[in-house]
Amino acid sequence: MNLLQVIEPGWLRLFNPAEVNQLLSGGEGGGLDVGDMRAHATYSGGYGPDSPTVKLFWKARPYFAIILRFSSGFRAAALFFCNF
């Protein structure tokens, strides 16, 4: 899923790139509250919080920011849309 599938392009045109970054990631020093994300996650397709795949996702999640930072150079947190 990409950003334009979640937000109508017309709404994004209201903001410049720096403002979109601020909205999505909190800008410099911004971050996602992974505990809150995990507590409010919903699952479908036969997956649930005790599914091996979901457990592996949450176990690997702390490394995503490191990989993203290394591969993209962005220091801000990434927003992930997962469709399990």
N, C-alpha and C. Protein backbone atom coordinates (compact mmCIF):
# COMPACT_ATOMS: atom_id res chain seq x y z
N MET A 1 0.85 -1.17 0.00
CA MET A 1 0.00 0.00 0.00
C MET A 1 0.90 1.23 0.00
N ASN A 2 0.56 2.21 -0.81
CA ASN A 2 1.37 3.42 -0.82
C ASN A 2 0.56 4.60 -0.26
N LEU A 3 1.22 5.69 -0.06
CA LEU A 3 0.62 6.87 0.57
C LEU A 3 -0.60 7.37 -0.19
N LEU A 4 -0.55 7.34 -1.52
CA LEU A 4 -1.67 7.86 -2.31
C LEU A 4 -2.90 6.96 -2.27
N GLN A 5 -2.75 5.75 -1.77
CA GLN A 5 -3.89 4.88 -1.57
C GLN A 5 -4.56 5.17 -0.22
N VAL A 6 -3.85 5.85 0.64
CA VAL A 6 -4.36 6.16 1.97
C VAL A 6 -4.87 7.59 2.05
N ILE A 7 -4.18 8.51 1.40
CA ILE A 7 -4.53 9.93 1.43
C ILE A 7 -4.76 10.42 0.01
N GLU A 8 -5.86 11.12 -0.20
CA GLU A 8 -6.16 11.66 -1.52
C GLU A 8 -5.09 12.67 -1.93
N PRO A 9 -4.61 12.60 -3.19
CA PRO A 9 -3.55 13.52 -3.63
C PRO A 9 -3.90 14.99 -3.43
N GLY A 10 -5.17 15.34 -3.54
CA GLY A 10 -5.58 16.73 -3.35
C GLY A 10 -5.23 17.26 -1.96
N TRP A 11 -5.34 16.40 -0.97
CA TRP A 11 -4.99 16.81 0.39
C TRP A 11 -3.49 17.02 0.53
N LEU A 12 -2.71 16.18 -0.13
CA LEU A 12 -1.25 16.32 -0.03
C LEU A 12 -0.75 17.60 -0.69
N ARG A 13 -1.47 18.07 -1.71
CA ARG A 13 -1.05 19.30 -2.41
C ARG A 13 -1.15 20.54 -1.52
N LEU A 14 -1.86 20.40 -0.39
CA LEU A 14 -1.97 21.53 0.53
C LEU A 14 -0.66 21.80 1.27
N PHE A 15 0.26 20.83 1.22
CA PHE A 15 1.49 20.93 2.00
C PHE A 15 2.71 20.84 1.10
N ASN A 16 3.80 21.48 1.52
CA ASN A 16 5.06 21.32 0.81
C ASN A 16 5.75 20.06 1.35
N PRO A 17 6.82 19.58 0.70
CA PRO A 17 7.46 18.32 1.13
C PRO A 17 7.90 18.31 2.59
N ALA A 18 8.44 19.43 3.07
CA ALA A 18 8.88 19.48 4.47
C ALA A 18 7.70 19.33 5.42
N GLU A 19 6.57 19.93 5.07
CA GLU A 19 5.38 19.82 5.92
C GLU A 19 4.81 18.40 5.92
N VAL A 20 4.85 17.73 4.76
CA VAL A 20 4.39 16.34 4.69
C VAL A 20 5.28 15.46 5.57
N ASN A 21 6.59 15.69 5.50
CA ASN A 21 7.52 14.94 6.35
C ASN A 21 7.19 15.16 7.83
N GLN A 22 6.93 16.40 8.19
CA GLN A 22 6.59 16.72 9.58
C GLN A 22 5.31 16.01 10.00
N LEU A 23 4.31 15.99 9.13
CA LEU A 23 3.04 15.34 9.45
C LEU A 23 3.19 13.82 9.59
N LEU A 24 3.97 13.22 8.71
CA LEU A 24 4.08 11.76 8.71
C LEU A 24 5.03 11.21 9.76
N SER A 25 6.12 11.89 10.00
CA SER A 25 7.12 11.32 10.88
C SER A 25 7.45 12.17 12.09
N GLY A 26 6.84 13.32 12.19
CA GLY A 26 7.18 14.19 13.30
C GLY A 26 8.45 14.98 13.04
N GLY A 27 9.00 14.86 11.83
CA GLY A 27 10.20 15.59 11.47
C GLY A 27 11.41 15.05 12.21
N GLU A 28 12.40 15.86 12.37
CA GLU A 28 13.63 15.46 13.06
C GLU A 28 13.31 15.08 14.50
N GLY A 29 13.82 13.95 14.90
CA GLY A 29 13.62 13.50 16.27
C GLY A 29 12.26 12.87 16.51
N GLY A 30 11.41 12.89 15.50
CA GLY A 30 10.09 12.29 15.66
C GLY A 30 10.19 10.78 15.63
N GLY A 31 9.22 10.15 16.15
CA GLY A 31 9.27 8.71 16.16
C GLY A 31 7.89 8.12 16.36
N LEU A 32 7.80 6.86 16.09
CA LEU A 32 6.56 6.15 16.30
C LEU A 32 6.58 5.50 17.67
N ASP A 33 5.44 5.51 18.32
CA ASP A 33 5.30 4.81 19.59
C ASP A 33 4.95 3.37 19.25
N VAL A 34 5.96 2.51 19.18
CA VAL A 34 5.76 1.13 18.76
C VAL A 34 4.88 0.38 19.74
N GLY A 35 5.02 0.67 21.02
CA GLY A 35 4.17 0.03 22.01
C GLY A 35 2.70 0.35 21.78
N ASP A 36 2.42 1.60 21.47
CA ASP A 36 1.04 2.01 21.17
C ASP A 36 0.56 1.37 19.87
N MET A 37 1.45 1.33 18.87
CA MET A 37 1.09 0.71 17.60
C MET A 37 0.75 -0.76 17.81
N ARG A 38 1.56 -1.45 18.60
CA ARG A 38 1.34 -2.87 18.85
C ARG A 38 0.05 -3.09 19.64
N ALA A 39 -0.20 -2.23 20.62
CA ALA A 39 -1.40 -2.36 21.45
C ALA A 39 -2.68 -2.15 20.67
N HIS A 40 -2.62 -1.36 19.60
CA HIS A 40 -3.82 -1.03 18.83
C HIS A 40 -3.85 -1.68 17.44
N ALA A 41 -2.92 -2.58 17.18
CA ALA A 41 -2.89 -3.27 15.89
C ALA A 41 -4.10 -4.17 15.74
N THR A 42 -4.61 -4.22 14.53
CA THR A 42 -5.69 -5.16 14.22
C THR A 42 -5.18 -6.11 13.14
N TYR A 43 -5.65 -7.33 13.19
CA TYR A 43 -5.16 -8.36 12.29
C TYR A 43 -6.33 -8.96 11.53
N SER A 44 -6.04 -9.52 10.38
CA SER A 44 -7.07 -10.18 9.57
C SER A 44 -6.41 -11.32 8.80
N GLY A 45 -7.20 -12.00 8.00
CA GLY A 45 -6.67 -13.06 7.16
C GLY A 45 -6.17 -14.26 7.95
N GLY A 46 -6.73 -14.48 9.12
CA GLY A 46 -6.31 -15.61 9.93
C GLY A 46 -5.13 -15.32 10.83
N TYR A 47 -4.60 -14.10 10.79
CA TYR A 47 -3.48 -13.73 11.65
C TYR A 47 -4.00 -13.11 12.93
N GLY A 48 -3.23 -13.22 13.98
CA GLY A 48 -3.55 -12.62 15.26
C GLY A 48 -2.27 -12.34 16.01
N PRO A 49 -2.38 -11.77 17.20
CA PRO A 49 -1.17 -11.41 17.94
C PRO A 49 -0.29 -12.61 18.30
N ASP A 50 -0.86 -13.80 18.33
CA ASP A 50 -0.07 -14.99 18.67
C ASP A 50 0.41 -15.77 17.45
N SER A 51 0.14 -15.27 16.25
CA SER A 51 0.60 -15.94 15.03
C SER A 51 2.12 -15.84 14.93
N PRO A 52 2.80 -16.90 14.52
CA PRO A 52 4.27 -16.86 14.40
C PRO A 52 4.76 -15.70 13.53
N THR A 53 4.07 -15.42 12.43
CA THR A 53 4.49 -14.34 11.54
C THR A 53 4.40 -12.99 12.23
N VAL A 54 3.32 -12.79 12.98
CA VAL A 54 3.13 -11.52 13.69
C VAL A 54 4.17 -11.38 14.80
N LYS A 55 4.43 -12.45 15.52
CA LYS A 55 5.46 -12.40 16.56
C LYS A 55 6.82 -12.06 15.97
N LEU A 56 7.13 -12.64 14.81
CA LEU A 56 8.39 -12.34 14.15
C LEU A 56 8.46 -10.88 13.71
N PHE A 57 7.33 -10.36 13.20
CA PHE A 57 7.27 -8.95 12.79
C PHE A 57 7.62 -8.05 13.97
N TRP A 58 6.97 -8.27 15.12
CA TRP A 58 7.21 -7.39 16.28
C TRP A 58 8.62 -7.58 16.84
N LYS A 59 9.16 -8.77 16.70
CA LYS A 59 10.53 -9.01 17.15
C LYS A 59 11.53 -8.27 16.26
N ALA A 60 11.26 -8.24 14.95
CA ALA A 60 12.16 -7.59 13.98
C ALA A 60 11.94 -6.09 13.88
N ARG A 61 10.80 -5.59 14.30
CA ARG A 61 10.42 -4.19 14.13
C ARG A 61 11.48 -3.19 14.60
N PRO A 62 12.16 -3.39 15.74
CA PRO A 62 13.16 -2.40 16.16
C PRO A 62 14.29 -2.20 15.15
N TYR A 63 14.54 -3.19 14.30
CA TYR A 63 15.63 -3.09 13.32
C TYR A 63 15.22 -2.38 12.04
N PHE A 64 13.92 -2.19 11.81
CA PHE A 64 13.46 -1.54 10.59
C PHE A 64 14.02 -0.13 10.46
N ALA A 65 14.00 0.64 11.56
CA ALA A 65 14.49 2.02 11.51
C ALA A 65 15.98 2.05 11.19
N ILE A 66 16.72 1.11 11.73
CA ILE A 66 18.16 1.04 11.46
C ILE A 66 18.40 0.75 9.98
N ILE A 67 17.67 -0.20 9.44
CA ILE A 67 17.80 -0.55 8.02
C ILE A 67 17.39 0.62 7.14
N LEU A 68 16.26 1.27 7.48
CA LEU A 68 15.80 2.41 6.70
C LEU A 68 16.81 3.54 6.75
N ARG A 69 17.33 3.83 7.94
CA ARG A 69 18.31 4.90 8.10
C ARG A 69 19.56 4.62 7.27
N PHE A 70 20.03 3.37 7.30
CA PHE A 70 21.22 2.99 6.55
C PHE A 70 20.97 3.09 5.05
N SER A 71 19.81 2.62 4.59
CA SER A 71 19.56 2.55 3.14
C SER A 71 19.09 3.87 2.54
N SER A 72 18.44 4.73 3.35
CA SER A 72 17.87 5.95 2.78
C SER A 72 18.55 7.23 3.25
N GLY A 73 19.21 7.17 4.39
CA GLY A 73 19.82 8.37 4.94
C GLY A 73 18.86 9.21 5.77
N PHE A 74 17.58 8.83 5.84
CA PHE A 74 16.61 9.57 6.64
C PHE A 74 16.76 9.20 8.11
N ARG A 75 16.76 10.20 8.98
CA ARG A 75 16.86 9.93 10.41
C ARG A 75 15.49 9.83 11.06
N ALA A 76 14.47 10.37 10.43
CA ALA A 76 13.14 10.33 11.01
C ALA A 76 12.54 8.93 10.87
N ALA A 77 11.61 8.62 11.72
CA ALA A 77 10.96 7.32 11.69
C ALA A 77 10.15 7.17 10.42
N ALA A 78 10.07 5.96 9.96
CA ALA A 78 9.27 5.65 8.78
C ALA A 78 7.87 5.24 9.22
N LEU A 79 6.92 5.53 8.39
CA LEU A 79 5.54 5.12 8.65
C LEU A 79 5.29 3.87 7.83
N PHE A 80 4.94 2.80 8.51
CA PHE A 80 4.73 1.53 7.84
C PHE A 80 3.25 1.21 7.76
N PHE A 81 2.79 0.83 6.59
CA PHE A 81 1.44 0.33 6.41
C PHE A 81 1.58 -1.16 6.10
N CYS A 82 1.18 -1.98 7.03
CA CYS A 82 1.31 -3.42 6.85
C CYS A 82 -0.05 -4.02 6.60
N ASN A 83 -0.11 -4.89 5.65
CA ASN A 83 -1.35 -5.58 5.33
C ASN A 83 -1.09 -7.06 5.51
N PHE A 84 -1.30 -7.56 6.71
CA PHE A 84 -1.09 -8.97 7.00
C PHE A 84 -2.24 -9.77 6.46
